[in-house]
Amino acid sequence: MSADEFDPFIERAFERAAPMADTPLFVAGVETRLQSGARWRAAGLGVAGAFGGVLALREMLSLDVDLSGADNVPGVQMAESASRSVNMDVATAIHGVLENWGVADLTLGGVGSMQMFWIAAGALVALALAGVVRLSQDV
């Protein structure tokens, strides 16, 4: 067989892939794996969002803005007192809701806010690396 006859023969041989006997089973397996990953991803994002929301609410309640340098600006004292009263009302309401949920005093021993940030950042990096490893193994 010459080179001119060989190329068209190869092209015709591989033009269409032959259907496999287990094609429906393979398609069902792939769809199941895709759905399973989506469920875990949604559950993980939900838990992380809820945890992050509770921590954000706790940090907002402990926010203390110092306007001591603005004493000579007219109306600052009035705005500051109005802001304090609104902040106290909102903080009291949010604190009451968090107490009802049982997470008002959410602490992990002596771990402060920055430690929680770095723990969460480390956990996210570890999860990202695990995802990369998993993706590299699936391909």
N, C-alpha and C. Protein backbone atom coordinates (compact mmCIF):
# COMPACT_ATOMS: atom_id res chain seq x y z
N MET A 1 0.85 -1.16 0.00
CA MET A 1 0.00 0.00 0.00
C MET A 1 0.90 1.23 0.00
N SER A 2 0.67 2.12 -0.93
CA SER A 2 1.49 3.32 -1.04
C SER A 2 1.04 4.36 -0.01
N ALA A 3 1.85 5.40 0.17
CA ALA A 3 1.54 6.45 1.14
C ALA A 3 0.28 7.20 0.76
N ASP A 4 0.06 7.36 -0.59
CA ASP A 4 -1.15 8.07 -1.03
C ASP A 4 -2.42 7.29 -0.73
N GLU A 5 -2.36 5.96 -0.73
CA GLU A 5 -3.53 5.13 -0.43
C GLU A 5 -3.74 4.96 1.07
N PHE A 6 -2.66 5.05 1.84
CA PHE A 6 -2.73 4.80 3.28
C PHE A 6 -3.46 5.91 4.04
N ASP A 7 -3.19 7.18 3.75
CA ASP A 7 -3.82 8.29 4.46
C ASP A 7 -5.34 8.28 4.34
N PRO A 8 -5.92 8.13 3.15
CA PRO A 8 -7.39 8.08 3.08
C PRO A 8 -7.96 6.85 3.79
N PHE A 9 -7.23 5.74 3.80
CA PHE A 9 -7.70 4.54 4.47
C PHE A 9 -7.80 4.80 5.99
N ILE A 10 -6.78 5.42 6.53
CA ILE A 10 -6.78 5.73 7.97
C ILE A 10 -7.90 6.72 8.28
N GLU A 11 -8.07 7.73 7.45
CA GLU A 11 -9.13 8.71 7.68
C GLU A 11 -10.50 8.04 7.68
N ARG A 12 -10.74 7.13 6.74
CA ARG A 12 -12.03 6.44 6.70
C ARG A 12 -12.22 5.52 7.89
N ALA A 13 -11.14 4.90 8.35
CA ALA A 13 -11.24 3.96 9.47
C ALA A 13 -11.60 4.67 10.78
N PHE A 14 -11.09 5.87 10.95
CA PHE A 14 -11.32 6.58 12.21
C PHE A 14 -12.28 7.76 12.07
N GLU A 15 -13.00 7.81 10.95
CA GLU A 15 -13.93 8.91 10.73
C GLU A 15 -15.05 8.90 11.76
N ARG A 16 -15.59 7.75 12.04
CA ARG A 16 -16.65 7.63 13.05
C ARG A 16 -16.26 6.53 14.02
N ALA A 17 -16.40 6.86 15.31
CA ALA A 17 -16.08 5.87 16.34
C ALA A 17 -17.23 4.87 16.44
N ALA A 18 -16.88 3.64 16.60
CA ALA A 18 -17.91 2.61 16.75
C ALA A 18 -18.56 2.75 18.11
N PRO A 19 -19.88 2.59 18.19
CA PRO A 19 -20.55 2.70 19.50
C PRO A 19 -20.15 1.52 20.39
N MET A 20 -19.95 1.83 21.65
CA MET A 20 -19.57 0.80 22.60
C MET A 20 -20.83 0.10 23.13
N ALA A 21 -20.66 -1.08 23.62
CA ALA A 21 -21.81 -1.84 24.12
C ALA A 21 -22.34 -1.27 25.44
N ASP A 22 -21.47 -0.65 26.22
CA ASP A 22 -21.88 -0.14 27.54
C ASP A 22 -22.05 1.38 27.55
N THR A 23 -22.37 1.98 26.42
CA THR A 23 -22.53 3.44 26.33
C THR A 23 -23.60 3.97 27.30
N PRO A 24 -24.80 3.39 27.36
CA PRO A 24 -25.79 3.93 28.32
C PRO A 24 -25.33 3.84 29.78
N LEU A 25 -24.66 2.76 30.12
CA LEU A 25 -24.15 2.60 31.48
C LEU A 25 -23.07 3.64 31.78
N PHE A 26 -22.20 3.90 30.81
CA PHE A 26 -21.15 4.90 30.98
C PHE A 26 -21.75 6.29 31.17
N VAL A 27 -22.74 6.64 30.35
CA VAL A 27 -23.39 7.95 30.44
C VAL A 27 -24.08 8.09 31.80
N ALA A 28 -24.74 7.05 32.28
CA ALA A 28 -25.41 7.11 33.59
C ALA A 28 -24.39 7.29 34.71
N GLY A 29 -23.25 6.62 34.61
CA GLY A 29 -22.21 6.76 35.62
C GLY A 29 -21.63 8.16 35.66
N VAL A 30 -21.40 8.75 34.50
CA VAL A 30 -20.86 10.11 34.45
C VAL A 30 -21.86 11.10 35.02
N GLU A 31 -23.14 10.97 34.67
CA GLU A 31 -24.16 11.87 35.20
C GLU A 31 -24.29 11.74 36.72
N THR A 32 -24.19 10.52 37.24
CA THR A 32 -24.26 10.31 38.68
C THR A 32 -23.09 10.99 39.39
N ARG A 33 -21.89 10.86 38.83
CA ARG A 33 -20.71 11.50 39.44
C ARG A 33 -20.82 13.02 39.40
N LEU A 34 -21.35 13.56 38.31
CA LEU A 34 -21.53 15.01 38.23
C LEU A 34 -22.53 15.51 39.26
N GLN A 35 -23.63 14.80 39.42
CA GLN A 35 -24.65 15.20 40.39
C GLN A 35 -24.12 15.09 41.82
N SER A 36 -23.36 14.05 42.10
CA SER A 36 -22.81 13.87 43.44
C SER A 36 -21.88 15.02 43.79
N GLY A 37 -21.04 15.43 42.87
CA GLY A 37 -20.14 16.55 43.12
C GLY A 37 -20.89 17.84 43.36
N ALA A 38 -21.98 18.04 42.63
CA ALA A 38 -22.76 19.27 42.79
C ALA A 38 -23.42 19.31 44.17
N ARG A 39 -23.89 18.18 44.66
CA ARG A 39 -24.51 18.14 45.99
C ARG A 39 -23.50 18.48 47.07
N TRP A 40 -22.32 17.88 47.00
CA TRP A 40 -21.29 18.15 48.01
C TRP A 40 -20.84 19.60 47.95
N ARG A 41 -20.71 20.12 46.73
CA ARG A 41 -20.30 21.51 46.57
C ARG A 41 -21.35 22.45 47.16
N ALA A 42 -22.62 22.19 46.89
CA ALA A 42 -23.70 23.04 47.43
C ALA A 42 -23.75 22.95 48.95
N ALA A 43 -23.59 21.75 49.49
CA ALA A 43 -23.61 21.59 50.95
C ALA A 43 -22.42 22.31 51.58
N GLY A 44 -21.25 22.18 50.99
CA GLY A 44 -20.07 22.85 51.52
C GLY A 44 -20.19 24.37 51.48
N LEU A 45 -20.71 24.89 50.38
CA LEU A 45 -20.90 26.34 50.28
C LEU A 45 -21.95 26.83 51.27
N GLY A 46 -22.99 26.05 51.48
CA GLY A 46 -24.01 26.44 52.45
C GLY A 46 -23.48 26.50 53.87
N VAL A 47 -22.72 25.49 54.26
CA VAL A 47 -22.14 25.45 55.60
C VAL A 47 -21.14 26.59 55.78
N ALA A 48 -20.29 26.79 54.77
CA ALA A 48 -19.29 27.87 54.86
C ALA A 48 -19.97 29.23 54.91
N GLY A 49 -21.03 29.42 54.14
CA GLY A 49 -21.75 30.69 54.15
C GLY A 49 -22.42 30.95 55.48
N ALA A 50 -23.03 29.93 56.06
CA ALA A 50 -23.68 30.10 57.36
C ALA A 50 -22.66 30.42 58.44
N PHE A 51 -21.55 29.70 58.46
CA PHE A 51 -20.51 29.93 59.45
C PHE A 51 -19.91 31.32 59.29
N GLY A 52 -19.63 31.70 58.04
CA GLY A 52 -19.07 33.03 57.78
C GLY A 52 -20.06 34.14 58.14
N GLY A 53 -21.34 33.91 57.89
CA GLY A 53 -22.34 34.91 58.25
C GLY A 53 -22.43 35.12 59.74
N VAL A 54 -22.38 34.03 60.51
CA VAL A 54 -22.42 34.16 61.97
C VAL A 54 -21.18 34.89 62.47
N LEU A 55 -20.02 34.56 61.93
CA LEU A 55 -18.80 35.26 62.35
C LEU A 55 -18.85 36.74 61.94
N ALA A 56 -19.38 37.04 60.77
CA ALA A 56 -19.48 38.43 60.33
C ALA A 56 -20.43 39.22 61.23
N LEU A 57 -21.55 38.62 61.61
CA LEU A 57 -22.48 39.29 62.52
C LEU A 57 -21.82 39.55 63.87
N ARG A 58 -21.09 38.56 64.36
CA ARG A 58 -20.42 38.73 65.64
C ARG A 58 -19.40 39.86 65.58
N GLU A 59 -18.66 39.95 64.47
CA GLU A 59 -17.66 41.00 64.34
C GLU A 59 -18.33 42.37 64.17
N MET A 60 -19.44 42.42 63.48
CA MET A 60 -20.14 43.69 63.32
C MET A 60 -20.66 44.20 64.66
N LEU A 61 -21.06 43.30 65.52
CA LEU A 61 -21.55 43.71 66.83
C LEU A 61 -20.43 44.27 67.70
N SER A 62 -19.23 43.81 67.49
CA SER A 62 -18.12 44.29 68.31
C SER A 62 -17.36 45.43 67.65
N LEU A 63 -17.86 45.99 66.54
CA LEU A 63 -17.21 47.09 65.84
C LEU A 63 -17.32 48.37 66.67
N ASP A 64 -16.20 49.04 66.89
CA ASP A 64 -16.18 50.27 67.67
C ASP A 64 -15.42 51.32 66.87
N VAL A 65 -16.15 52.31 66.35
CA VAL A 65 -15.55 53.37 65.54
C VAL A 65 -15.23 54.54 66.46
N ASP A 66 -14.01 55.04 66.40
CA ASP A 66 -13.57 56.15 67.25
C ASP A 66 -13.56 57.43 66.44
N LEU A 67 -14.44 58.36 66.79
CA LEU A 67 -14.50 59.66 66.11
C LEU A 67 -14.00 60.77 67.04
N SER A 68 -13.01 60.47 67.86
CA SER A 68 -12.55 61.45 68.85
C SER A 68 -11.86 62.64 68.20
N GLY A 69 -11.33 62.51 67.02
CA GLY A 69 -10.66 63.62 66.36
C GLY A 69 -11.61 64.60 65.71
N ALA A 70 -12.90 64.29 65.64
CA ALA A 70 -13.86 65.15 64.95
C ALA A 70 -14.75 65.90 65.93
N ASP A 71 -14.23 66.27 67.12
CA ASP A 71 -15.04 66.95 68.13
C ASP A 71 -15.43 68.36 67.73
N ASN A 72 -14.61 69.03 66.94
CA ASN A 72 -14.89 70.41 66.60
C ASN A 72 -15.80 70.57 65.38
N VAL A 73 -16.17 69.51 64.71
CA VAL A 73 -17.06 69.59 63.55
C VAL A 73 -18.49 69.70 64.05
N PRO A 74 -19.28 70.68 63.54
CA PRO A 74 -20.65 70.85 64.02
C PRO A 74 -21.52 69.64 63.70
N GLY A 75 -22.32 69.25 64.65
CA GLY A 75 -23.28 68.16 64.45
C GLY A 75 -22.71 66.77 64.66
N VAL A 76 -21.41 66.67 64.93
CA VAL A 76 -20.81 65.34 65.10
C VAL A 76 -21.36 64.66 66.35
N GLN A 77 -21.51 65.41 67.45
CA GLN A 77 -22.01 64.81 68.68
C GLN A 77 -23.43 64.30 68.48
N MET A 78 -24.27 65.09 67.79
CA MET A 78 -25.65 64.68 67.56
C MET A 78 -25.70 63.43 66.66
N ALA A 79 -24.91 63.44 65.60
CA ALA A 79 -24.88 62.29 64.69
C ALA A 79 -24.31 61.07 65.40
N GLU A 80 -23.30 61.30 66.24
CA GLU A 80 -22.69 60.19 66.97
C GLU A 80 -23.68 59.56 67.95
N SER A 81 -24.44 60.39 68.66
CA SER A 81 -25.41 59.84 69.61
C SER A 81 -26.54 59.13 68.89
N ALA A 82 -27.00 59.68 67.75
CA ALA A 82 -28.05 59.00 66.98
C ALA A 82 -27.54 57.68 66.43
N SER A 83 -26.31 57.69 65.95
CA SER A 83 -25.71 56.46 65.42
C SER A 83 -25.57 55.41 66.52
N ARG A 84 -25.16 55.84 67.72
CA ARG A 84 -25.03 54.89 68.83
C ARG A 84 -26.37 54.26 69.18
N SER A 85 -27.43 55.08 69.22
CA SER A 85 -28.74 54.53 69.60
C SER A 85 -29.23 53.55 68.54
N VAL A 86 -29.06 53.88 67.25
CA VAL A 86 -29.47 52.95 66.18
C VAL A 86 -28.63 51.69 66.23
N ASN A 87 -27.31 51.86 66.41
CA ASN A 87 -26.42 50.70 66.47
C ASN A 87 -26.76 49.81 67.66
N MET A 88 -27.09 50.41 68.79
CA MET A 88 -27.43 49.61 69.97
C MET A 88 -28.72 48.84 69.75
N ASP A 89 -29.71 49.49 69.11
CA ASP A 89 -30.97 48.80 68.84
C ASP A 89 -30.75 47.63 67.89
N VAL A 90 -30.01 47.87 66.82
CA VAL A 90 -29.74 46.81 65.85
C VAL A 90 -28.89 45.72 66.49
N ALA A 91 -27.88 46.10 67.24
CA ALA A 91 -27.00 45.13 67.89
C ALA A 91 -27.79 44.28 68.89
N THR A 92 -28.71 44.92 69.63
CA THR A 92 -29.52 44.18 70.60
C THR A 92 -30.42 43.18 69.88
N ALA A 93 -31.01 43.61 68.77
CA ALA A 93 -31.89 42.71 68.01
C ALA A 93 -31.12 41.53 67.42
N ILE A 94 -29.97 41.82 66.83
CA ILE A 94 -29.16 40.75 66.23
C ILE A 94 -28.65 39.82 67.31
N HIS A 95 -28.22 40.38 68.43
CA HIS A 95 -27.73 39.54 69.53
C HIS A 95 -28.84 38.64 70.05
N GLY A 96 -30.07 39.16 70.13
CA GLY A 96 -31.20 38.34 70.56
C GLY A 96 -31.46 37.18 69.62
N VAL A 97 -31.37 37.44 68.32
CA VAL A 97 -31.57 36.37 67.33
C VAL A 97 -30.47 35.33 67.45
N LEU A 98 -29.22 35.79 67.60
CA LEU A 98 -28.11 34.85 67.74
C LEU A 98 -28.23 34.03 69.02
N GLU A 99 -28.74 34.64 70.10
CA GLU A 99 -28.95 33.88 71.34
C GLU A 99 -30.02 32.82 71.14
N ASN A 100 -31.08 33.15 70.40
CA ASN A 100 -32.13 32.16 70.13
C ASN A 100 -31.58 30.97 69.36
N TRP A 101 -30.63 31.23 68.45
CA TRP A 101 -30.03 30.14 67.68
C TRP A 101 -28.96 29.41 68.47
N GLY A 102 -28.54 30.01 69.59
CA GLY A 102 -27.52 29.36 70.42
C GLY A 102 -26.10 29.62 69.97
N VAL A 103 -25.88 30.66 69.16
CA VAL A 103 -24.53 30.94 68.67
C VAL A 103 -24.07 32.35 69.04
N ALA A 104 -24.66 32.95 70.06
CA ALA A 104 -24.30 34.32 70.43
C ALA A 104 -22.88 34.39 70.98
N ASP A 105 -22.47 33.40 71.72
CA ASP A 105 -21.13 33.40 72.31
C ASP A 105 -20.26 32.36 71.63
N LEU A 106 -20.22 32.42 70.30
CA LEU A 106 -19.47 31.45 69.51
C LEU A 106 -17.98 31.74 69.62
N THR A 107 -17.29 30.92 70.37
CA THR A 107 -15.84 31.04 70.49
C THR A 107 -15.25 29.64 70.47
N LEU A 108 -14.01 29.59 70.12
CA LEU A 108 -13.30 28.33 70.13
C LEU A 108 -12.16 28.43 71.14
N GLY A 109 -12.51 28.39 72.39
CA GLY A 109 -11.51 28.52 73.43
C GLY A 109 -10.92 29.91 73.44
N GLY A 110 -9.62 30.03 73.34
CA GLY A 110 -8.96 31.33 73.33
C GLY A 110 -8.67 31.83 71.94
N VAL A 111 -9.29 31.27 70.93
CA VAL A 111 -9.01 31.65 69.55
C VAL A 111 -9.74 32.94 69.22
N GLY A 112 -8.99 33.96 68.80
CA GLY A 112 -9.58 35.25 68.47
C GLY A 112 -9.92 35.35 66.99
N SER A 113 -10.26 36.55 66.57
CA SER A 113 -10.72 36.78 65.20
C SER A 113 -9.63 36.51 64.17
N MET A 114 -8.43 37.00 64.41
CA MET A 114 -7.36 36.78 63.43
C MET A 114 -6.97 35.31 63.34
N GLN A 115 -6.98 34.64 64.49
CA GLN A 115 -6.68 33.22 64.44
C GLN A 115 -7.75 32.47 63.65
N MET A 116 -9.02 32.87 63.83
CA MET A 116 -10.10 32.24 63.07
C MET A 116 -9.93 32.51 61.58
N PHE A 117 -9.50 33.72 61.23
CA PHE A 117 -9.27 34.05 59.83
C PHE A 117 -8.20 33.15 59.24
N TRP A 118 -7.08 32.99 59.93
CA TRP A 118 -6.00 32.18 59.39
C TRP A 118 -6.35 30.70 59.37
N ILE A 119 -7.12 30.26 60.35
CA ILE A 119 -7.58 28.86 60.32
C ILE A 119 -8.48 28.63 59.11
N ALA A 120 -9.40 29.55 58.88
CA ALA A 120 -10.31 29.43 57.74
C ALA A 120 -9.54 29.52 56.42
N ALA A 121 -8.56 30.43 56.35
CA ALA A 121 -7.75 30.56 55.13
C ALA A 121 -6.97 29.27 54.87
N GLY A 122 -6.39 28.70 55.90
CA GLY A 122 -5.66 27.44 55.74
C GLY A 122 -6.57 26.31 55.30
N ALA A 123 -7.77 26.27 55.87
CA ALA A 123 -8.72 25.23 55.48
C ALA A 123 -9.13 25.40 54.01
N LEU A 124 -9.33 26.63 53.57
CA LEU A 124 -9.69 26.86 52.16
C LEU A 124 -8.55 26.47 51.23
N VAL A 125 -7.32 26.77 51.61
CA VAL A 125 -6.18 26.38 50.78
C VAL A 125 -6.08 24.85 50.71
N ALA A 126 -6.30 24.19 51.84
CA ALA A 126 -6.25 22.72 51.85
C ALA A 126 -7.36 22.14 50.97
N LEU A 127 -8.55 22.71 51.05
CA LEU A 127 -9.65 22.23 50.20
C LEU A 127 -9.36 22.47 48.72
N ALA A 128 -8.77 23.61 48.40
CA ALA A 128 -8.43 23.90 47.01
C ALA A 128 -7.38 22.91 46.49
N LEU A 129 -6.38 22.63 47.32
CA LEU A 129 -5.37 21.65 46.91
C LEU A 129 -5.96 20.26 46.75
N ALA A 130 -6.86 19.88 47.64
CA ALA A 130 -7.52 18.57 47.50
C ALA A 130 -8.35 18.52 46.23
N GLY A 131 -9.00 19.63 45.88
CA GLY A 131 -9.77 19.68 44.63
C GLY A 131 -8.88 19.56 43.42
N VAL A 132 -7.72 20.21 43.45
CA VAL A 132 -6.79 20.12 42.32
C VAL A 132 -6.28 18.70 42.18
N VAL A 133 -5.94 18.07 43.29
CA VAL A 133 -5.48 16.68 43.24
C VAL A 133 -6.56 15.78 42.68
N ARG A 134 -7.78 15.97 43.12
CA ARG A 134 -8.91 15.15 42.65
C ARG A 134 -9.13 15.35 41.14
N LEU A 135 -9.08 16.60 40.70
CA LEU A 135 -9.26 16.87 39.27
C LEU A 135 -8.14 16.26 38.44
N SER A 136 -6.91 16.32 38.94
CA SER A 136 -5.81 15.75 38.19
C SER A 136 -5.91 14.23 38.11
N GLN A 137 -6.50 13.60 39.11
CA GLN A 137 -6.67 12.15 39.08
C GLN A 137 -7.82 11.72 38.18
N ASP A 138 -8.85 12.59 38.07
CA ASP A 138 -10.01 12.25 37.22
C ASP A 138 -9.69 12.35 35.74
N VAL A 139 -8.74 13.19 35.39
CA VAL A 139 -8.41 13.38 33.97
C VAL A 139 -7.52 12.30 33.53
